[in-house]
């Protein structure tokens, strides 16, 4: 088939400027107008440049990504379907995870037969939508094996537990394993840390204290522990938001390791809390490279062994297992982790959660088992 490319395609827009305009759009009239003009230009690109559009996902707002999805779909139709370019983009796991999922969608919409090839090893894919699809296929495959090949079904389900990130998929798989007389502790399998020292609330009025270092934070950075102790070894109280606050030990019994702060801190709003744990690594050669993985619906910071490794000033935009992933280093013997978790003043029912999930993994995402001291 011979393709005729409209003349408009030869007048290339200022690609970088147009992508930046769309990346910045936030729903305001001025930025949406700029994005609309940029989209009009980008939609005329030839299909061979669809991956240039996908590159624009880096640093784009959520709204900007939605615009880019639609533009990529339009551009992919402006000439011969760019299969090879999209396959190359999809295969590069260093590319933006959302953009790679768009590449997957375009490829499979064009040729449904590519699905198996693209999902062949996707149980470890950094794009969670792509990983979800692969995990779903593994769950289905395992379920089909349960009655005839239960041992093989167990192996498939173990893959799901090791690599799954969707709570619903993990819980479903745990139930299927239970039907095969295999009972697992999901939080333990995932390496979730569930026992913590907690202190708070400290002030976060008007969400202005994300970078305010309260006494426990400064003490941790200076001495390696945020907890001051009296002569008997008991934690000393600190000056909190409205009153004196005391360190307390908490432990999550959630099957996915979710740690709730509303209970122990009485649903405080406009507040900050610190959590601290000392731990050793179970069955690993240390020192070792690792990753912190935190899921938290509100603003948070994470320190490992006195070093700030993760900082996320976001409130109530959703949460998931392994929402934020950052590299860290674990040392021989005892290690420490401190987490600062914020809450704002929103009163809507959907904005009441004040909680987090935290674990440590190897760089490949497999769980590191820890002993909290």
Protein backbone atom coordinates (compact mmCIF):
# COMPACT_ATOMS: atom_id res chain seq x y z
CA UNK A 1 0.00 0.00 0.00
CA UNK A 2 1.31 3.47 -0.83
CA UNK A 3 0.82 6.12 1.81
CA UNK A 4 0.27 9.75 0.88
CA UNK A 5 1.41 12.10 3.61
CA UNK A 6 -0.43 15.43 3.70
CA UNK A 7 1.71 18.46 3.00
CA UNK A 8 1.07 19.78 6.49
CA UNK A 9 3.38 17.06 7.83
CA UNK A 10 6.37 18.67 6.18
CA UNK A 11 5.99 21.78 8.32
CA UNK A 12 7.39 20.39 11.56
CA UNK A 13 6.32 22.21 14.73
CA UNK A 14 8.82 23.23 17.40
CA UNK A 15 8.57 19.81 18.98
CA UNK A 16 10.23 20.50 22.31
CA UNK A 17 8.32 23.73 22.89
CA UNK A 18 5.00 22.07 22.03
CA UNK A 19 5.67 19.10 24.32
CA UNK A 20 6.60 21.41 27.17
CA UNK A 21 3.38 23.39 26.74
CA UNK A 22 1.33 20.22 27.03
CA UNK A 23 3.42 18.87 29.92
CA UNK A 24 2.65 21.98 31.99
CA UNK A 25 -1.11 22.08 31.51
CA UNK A 26 -2.98 21.96 34.80
CA UNK A 27 -6.56 22.86 33.91
CA UNK A 28 -6.06 26.62 34.10
CA UNK A 29 -7.41 28.58 31.14
CA UNK A 30 -4.06 30.06 30.04
CA UNK A 31 -2.10 26.80 30.15
CA UNK A 32 -4.92 24.86 28.51
CA UNK A 33 -4.98 27.38 25.67
CA UNK A 34 -1.23 26.96 25.18
CA UNK A 35 -1.61 23.18 25.30
CA UNK A 36 -4.47 23.26 22.80
CA UNK A 37 -2.38 25.22 20.31
CA UNK A 38 0.54 22.85 20.85
CA UNK A 39 -1.68 19.78 20.41
CA UNK A 40 -2.99 21.17 17.12
CA UNK A 41 0.59 21.35 15.86
CA UNK A 42 1.67 17.96 17.17
CA UNK A 43 -1.33 16.16 15.69
CA UNK A 44 0.11 16.89 12.24
CA UNK A 45 3.32 14.95 12.89
CA UNK A 46 3.94 11.91 10.68
CA UNK A 47 3.45 8.50 12.25
CA UNK A 48 7.23 7.96 12.28
CA UNK A 49 7.44 10.55 15.08
CA UNK A 50 4.97 8.96 17.47
CA UNK A 51 7.79 8.06 19.86
CA UNK A 52 8.79 11.74 19.98
CA UNK A 53 5.34 12.40 21.41
CA UNK A 54 5.80 9.60 23.93
CA UNK A 55 9.08 11.14 25.06
CA UNK A 56 7.01 14.11 26.19
CA UNK A 57 5.58 12.07 29.07
CA UNK A 58 8.69 12.82 31.13
CA UNK A 59 7.83 15.55 33.67
CA UNK A 60 4.28 15.93 32.29
CA UNK A 61 1.37 16.61 34.61
CA UNK A 62 -1.39 14.03 34.91
CA UNK A 63 -3.55 16.20 32.69
CA UNK A 64 -0.69 16.64 30.25
CA UNK A 65 -0.24 12.88 29.98
CA UNK A 66 -3.91 12.50 29.09
CA UNK A 67 -3.46 15.00 26.25
CA UNK A 68 -0.34 13.19 25.05
CA UNK A 69 -2.14 9.82 25.00
CA UNK A 70 -4.71 11.20 22.59
CA UNK A 71 -2.09 12.94 20.46
CA UNK A 72 0.03 9.76 20.21
CA UNK A 73 -3.02 7.83 18.98
CA UNK A 74 -3.71 10.48 16.33
CA UNK A 75 -0.08 10.65 15.20
CA UNK A 76 0.19 6.85 14.89
CA UNK A 77 -2.51 7.06 12.18
CA UNK A 78 -0.69 9.71 10.13
CA UNK A 79 1.00 7.26 7.78
CA UNK A 80 2.31 3.67 7.93
CA UNK A 81 1.83 2.21 11.37
CA UNK A 82 5.16 2.72 13.25
CA UNK A 83 5.38 -0.82 14.62
CA UNK A 84 9.16 -1.07 14.84
CA UNK A 85 9.54 2.32 16.51
CA UNK A 86 6.88 1.47 19.09
CA UNK A 87 8.37 -1.96 19.73
CA UNK A 88 11.75 -0.37 20.37
CA UNK A 89 10.24 2.22 22.70
CA UNK A 90 8.28 -0.43 24.60
CA UNK A 91 11.35 -2.65 24.98
CA UNK A 92 13.33 0.13 26.69
CA UNK A 93 12.30 -0.11 30.34
CA UNK A 94 14.11 3.11 31.15
CA UNK A 95 11.41 5.04 29.26
CA UNK A 96 8.50 6.62 31.10
CA UNK A 97 6.26 3.84 32.42
CA UNK A 98 3.01 5.56 31.38
CA UNK A 99 4.37 6.24 27.90
CA UNK A 100 5.40 2.60 27.50
CA UNK A 101 1.86 1.54 28.39
CA UNK A 102 0.54 3.82 25.62
CA UNK A 103 3.00 2.13 23.24
CA UNK A 104 1.65 -1.24 24.38
CA UNK A 105 -1.93 -0.14 23.77
CA UNK A 106 -1.16 1.18 20.30
CA UNK A 107 0.70 -1.99 19.36
CA UNK A 108 -1.98 -4.41 20.59
CA UNK A 109 -4.81 -2.36 19.10
CA UNK A 110 -3.04 -2.62 15.77
CA UNK A 111 -2.19 -6.32 16.19
CA UNK A 112 -3.81 -8.29 19.03
CA UNK A 113 -1.40 -11.14 18.28
CA UNK A 114 1.44 -9.11 19.82
CA UNK A 115 -0.02 -9.41 23.30
CA UNK A 116 1.78 -12.61 24.32
CA UNK A 117 5.11 -11.37 22.95
CA UNK A 118 4.89 -8.03 24.75
CA UNK A 119 3.84 -9.58 28.06
CA UNK A 120 6.32 -12.47 27.92
CA UNK A 121 8.39 -11.29 30.92
CA UNK A 122 6.20 -8.41 32.07
CA UNK A 123 5.74 -9.70 35.64
CA UNK A 124 8.74 -7.49 36.51
CA UNK A 125 7.80 -4.57 34.27
CA UNK A 126 8.16 -1.13 35.91
CA UNK A 127 4.92 -0.01 34.23
CA UNK A 128 2.25 -1.12 36.70
CA UNK A 129 -0.58 -1.35 34.11
CA UNK A 130 1.59 -3.64 31.98
CA UNK A 131 2.62 -5.68 35.00
CA UNK A 132 -1.04 -5.93 36.07
CA UNK A 133 -1.99 -7.51 32.74
CA UNK A 134 0.79 -10.09 33.00
CA UNK A 135 -0.04 -10.92 36.62
CA UNK A 136 -3.70 -11.33 35.70
CA UNK A 137 -2.72 -13.85 33.03
CA UNK A 138 -0.59 -15.74 35.56
CA UNK A 139 -3.46 -15.90 38.04
CA UNK A 140 -5.73 -17.28 35.32
CA UNK A 141 -3.09 -19.82 34.26
CA UNK A 142 -2.56 -20.94 37.84
CA UNK A 143 -6.28 -21.30 38.45
CA UNK A 144 -6.59 -23.53 35.40
CA UNK A 145 -3.84 -25.80 36.78
CA UNK A 146 -5.24 -26.19 40.29
CA UNK A 147 -7.31 -29.33 39.72
CA UNK A 148 -4.86 -31.21 37.51
CA UNK A 149 -1.38 -29.91 38.38
CA UNK A 150 -1.58 -28.35 41.85
CA UNK A 151 2.19 -28.21 42.38
CA UNK A 152 2.66 -26.27 39.16
CA UNK A 153 -0.23 -24.01 40.13
CA UNK A 154 1.55 -23.25 43.42
CA UNK A 155 4.68 -22.25 41.51
CA UNK A 156 2.69 -19.90 39.30
CA UNK A 157 0.97 -18.35 42.30
CA UNK A 158 4.33 -17.89 44.00
CA UNK A 159 5.39 -15.81 40.98
CA UNK A 160 2.34 -13.64 41.51
CA UNK A 161 3.13 -13.13 45.19
CA UNK A 162 6.72 -12.24 44.35
CA UNK A 163 5.94 -9.76 41.59
CA UNK A 164 2.34 -8.60 42.01
CA UNK A 165 1.64 -5.04 43.14
CA UNK A 166 -2.17 -4.90 43.04
CA UNK A 167 -3.67 -5.58 46.50
CA UNK A 168 -6.71 -7.24 44.91
CA UNK A 169 -4.55 -9.54 42.81
CA UNK A 170 -2.35 -10.43 45.78
CA UNK A 171 -5.30 -11.14 48.06
CA UNK A 172 -7.01 -13.22 45.37
CA UNK A 173 -3.83 -15.26 44.90
CA UNK A 174 -3.44 -15.80 48.63
CA UNK A 175 -6.97 -17.23 48.72
CA UNK A 176 -6.21 -19.54 45.78
CA UNK A 177 -3.08 -20.75 47.58
CA UNK A 178 -5.17 -21.36 50.70
CA UNK A 179 -7.45 -23.55 48.57
CA UNK A 180 -4.30 -25.58 47.85
CA UNK A 181 -3.56 -25.78 51.61
CA UNK A 182 -0.80 -23.17 51.40
CA UNK A 183 -1.36 -20.39 53.93
CA UNK A 184 0.86 -17.34 53.60
CA UNK A 185 1.39 -14.08 55.44
CA UNK A 186 1.23 -11.59 52.57
CA UNK A 187 2.87 -8.76 54.47
CA UNK A 188 5.71 -11.08 55.48
CA UNK A 189 6.11 -12.36 51.91
CA UNK A 190 6.29 -8.79 50.62
CA UNK A 191 8.80 -7.80 53.30
CA UNK A 192 6.57 -5.08 54.78
CA UNK A 193 7.87 -3.51 57.98
CA UNK A 194 5.03 -3.50 60.50
CA UNK A 195 6.55 -2.59 63.90
CA UNK A 196 7.47 1.04 64.55
CA UNK A 197 8.15 3.64 67.17
CA UNK A 198 5.75 6.55 66.53
CA UNK A 199 5.61 10.12 67.82
CA UNK A 200 3.25 12.98 66.98
CA UNK A 201 1.37 15.00 66.15
CA UNK A 202 3.61 17.92 65.27
CA UNK A 203 2.35 21.01 63.49
CA UNK A 204 1.58 21.05 59.75
CA UNK A 205 -0.88 23.96 59.68
CA UNK A 206 -1.78 24.93 56.11
CA UNK A 207 0.53 22.12 54.91
CA UNK A 208 3.49 24.46 55.39
CA UNK A 209 5.81 22.25 57.45
CA UNK A 210 6.98 19.60 55.02
CA UNK A 211 10.54 20.90 55.41
CA UNK A 212 10.30 21.89 59.06
CA UNK A 213 12.74 19.76 61.03
CA UNK A 214 11.29 19.08 64.47
CA UNK A 215 13.47 17.96 67.38
CA UNK A 216 13.27 14.18 66.66
CA UNK A 217 14.40 14.80 63.08
CA UNK A 218 17.38 16.92 64.10
CA UNK A 219 18.33 14.44 66.81
CA UNK A 220 18.22 11.56 64.32
CA UNK A 221 20.48 13.38 61.88
CA UNK A 222 22.91 14.27 64.68
CA UNK A 223 23.01 11.05 66.68
CA UNK A 224 21.45 8.26 64.60
CA UNK A 225 18.33 7.96 66.77
CA UNK A 226 15.40 10.37 67.11
CA UNK A 227 14.52 9.02 70.54
CA UNK A 228 15.93 10.68 73.67
CA UNK A 229 15.88 8.33 76.67
CA UNK A 230 15.88 8.88 80.41
CA UNK A 231 18.12 7.18 82.94
CA UNK A 232 15.83 4.14 82.96
CA UNK A 233 16.02 3.83 79.20
CA UNK A 234 12.46 5.02 78.59
CA UNK A 235 11.71 7.45 75.74
CA UNK A 236 11.47 11.09 76.84
CA UNK A 237 8.45 13.17 75.76
CA UNK A 238 8.72 15.97 73.20
CA UNK A 239 6.87 19.21 72.56
CA UNK A 240 4.20 18.48 69.97
CA UNK A 241 1.59 20.47 68.08
CA UNK A 242 -0.77 21.19 70.96
CA UNK A 243 0.72 19.31 73.89
CA UNK A 244 3.54 17.13 75.02
CA UNK A 245 3.76 13.98 72.92
CA UNK A 246 5.35 10.65 73.73
CA UNK A 247 6.90 7.89 71.67
CA UNK A 248 4.66 4.85 71.39
CA UNK A 249 5.17 1.45 69.81
CA UNK A 250 2.68 0.44 67.14
CA UNK A 251 2.30 -2.67 65.01
CA UNK A 252 0.18 -3.21 61.91
CA UNK A 253 -1.97 -6.33 61.62
CA UNK A 254 -3.03 -5.47 58.06
CA UNK A 255 -2.47 -8.37 55.67
CA UNK A 256 -0.68 -6.03 53.25
CA UNK A 257 1.32 -4.20 55.92
CA UNK A 258 -0.61 -0.93 55.89
CA UNK A 259 0.29 1.16 58.97
CA UNK A 260 -2.58 3.38 60.13
CA UNK A 261 -1.78 6.61 61.98
CA UNK A 262 -5.33 7.84 62.56
CA UNK A 263 -5.92 5.46 65.47
CA UNK A 264 -2.83 6.18 67.57
CA UNK A 265 -2.89 9.91 66.71
CA UNK A 266 -6.66 10.44 67.10
CA UNK A 267 -7.34 11.47 63.51
CA UNK A 268 -5.33 14.68 63.91
CA UNK A 269 -5.43 17.08 60.94
CA UNK A 270 -2.78 19.58 59.82
CA UNK A 271 -0.25 17.30 61.43
CA UNK A 272 3.11 15.59 61.06
CA UNK A 273 4.34 12.35 62.60
CA UNK A 274 7.67 10.53 62.79
CA UNK A 275 8.17 6.78 62.68
CA UNK A 276 11.43 5.05 63.51
CA UNK A 277 12.82 1.52 63.46
CA UNK A 278 16.17 -0.15 63.97
CA UNK A 279 16.58 -3.36 62.00
CA UNK A 280 18.97 -5.98 60.74
CA UNK A 281 18.87 -7.77 57.42
CA UNK A 282 17.94 -11.44 57.48
CA UNK A 283 20.06 -13.85 55.44
CA UNK A 284 21.82 -11.31 53.21
CA UNK A 285 25.44 -10.34 52.79
CA UNK A 286 25.87 -6.72 53.88
CA UNK A 287 26.70 -3.99 53.05
CA UNK A 288 24.36 -4.16 50.09
CA UNK A 289 22.52 -1.91 47.61
CA UNK A 290 18.78 -1.83 48.19
CA UNK A 291 15.64 0.15 47.46
CA UNK A 292 13.08 1.72 49.76
CA UNK A 293 9.52 1.27 48.54
CA UNK A 294 6.80 3.31 50.20
CA UNK A 295 3.12 3.64 49.45
CA UNK A 296 1.66 6.71 51.15
CA UNK A 297 -1.42 8.75 50.34
CA UNK A 298 -0.03 11.91 51.97
CA UNK A 299 3.27 13.78 51.93
CA UNK A 300 6.25 11.82 53.21
CA UNK A 301 10.01 11.66 53.63
CA UNK A 302 12.21 8.62 54.22
CA UNK A 303 15.70 8.46 55.71
CA UNK A 304 17.92 5.35 55.77
CA UNK A 305 20.90 5.38 58.12
CA UNK A 306 20.65 9.14 58.47
CA UNK A 307 20.46 9.87 54.74
CA UNK A 308 17.35 11.36 53.12
CA UNK A 309 16.49 9.01 50.25
CA UNK A 310 12.89 9.91 49.36
CA UNK A 311 10.84 13.10 49.52
CA UNK A 312 7.26 13.36 48.19
CA UNK A 313 5.12 16.42 48.92
CA UNK A 314 1.81 15.11 47.58
CA UNK A 315 -1.55 14.90 49.38
CA UNK A 316 -4.44 12.52 48.71
CA UNK A 317 -3.65 11.73 45.09
CA UNK A 318 -3.97 7.98 45.63
CA UNK A 319 -1.59 5.32 46.88
CA UNK A 320 -0.41 1.83 46.00
CA UNK A 321 2.22 -0.68 46.97
CA UNK A 322 5.67 0.57 45.88
CA UNK A 323 4.28 3.98 44.95
CA UNK A 324 7.66 5.65 45.49
CA UNK A 325 10.91 3.77 44.86
CA UNK A 326 14.40 5.07 45.63
CA UNK A 327 17.87 3.56 45.95
CA UNK A 328 19.61 3.24 49.31
CA UNK A 329 22.51 1.41 50.98
CA UNK A 330 22.22 -1.02 53.88
CA UNK A 331 25.21 -1.54 56.19
CA UNK A 332 26.58 -4.38 58.27
CA UNK A 333 24.79 -4.91 61.56
CA UNK A 334 22.08 -2.50 62.64
CA UNK A 335 20.38 -0.15 60.17
CA UNK A 336 17.86 2.60 60.86
CA UNK A 337 14.89 4.03 59.02
CA UNK A 338 12.92 7.15 59.88
CA UNK A 339 9.76 8.23 58.05
CA UNK A 340 7.97 11.55 58.29
CA UNK A 341 4.31 11.32 57.29
CA UNK A 342 2.17 14.45 56.94
CA UNK A 343 -1.58 15.08 57.02
CA UNK A 344 -3.40 18.18 55.76
CA UNK A 345 -6.70 19.80 56.73
CA UNK A 346 -9.02 18.39 54.06
CA UNK A 347 -12.35 17.25 55.44
CA UNK A 348 -13.78 15.30 52.49
CA UNK A 349 -14.42 11.63 53.31
CA UNK A 350 -11.90 10.51 50.68
CA UNK A 351 -9.18 12.63 52.32
CA UNK A 352 -9.24 11.04 55.76
CA UNK A 353 -6.66 8.29 55.27
CA UNK A 354 -3.36 8.85 57.10
CA UNK A 355 -1.35 5.69 56.51
CA UNK A 356 1.57 4.09 54.69
CA UNK A 357 3.19 0.82 53.61
CA UNK A 358 6.96 0.46 53.72
CA UNK A 359 9.40 -2.23 52.68
CA UNK A 360 12.95 -2.76 51.50
CA UNK A 361 13.85 -4.69 48.37
CA UNK A 362 16.81 -5.67 46.30
CA UNK A 363 17.32 -3.53 43.17
CA UNK A 364 15.33 -6.11 41.17
CA UNK A 365 12.30 -5.55 43.42
CA UNK A 366 12.46 -8.83 45.34
CA UNK A 367 11.75 -8.46 49.04
CA UNK A 368 14.46 -8.11 51.69
CA UNK A 369 13.43 -9.72 54.96
CA UNK A 370 14.26 -7.59 57.98
CA UNK A 371 14.31 -8.12 61.75
CA UNK A 372 13.01 -5.05 63.58
CA UNK A 373 14.80 -4.69 66.89
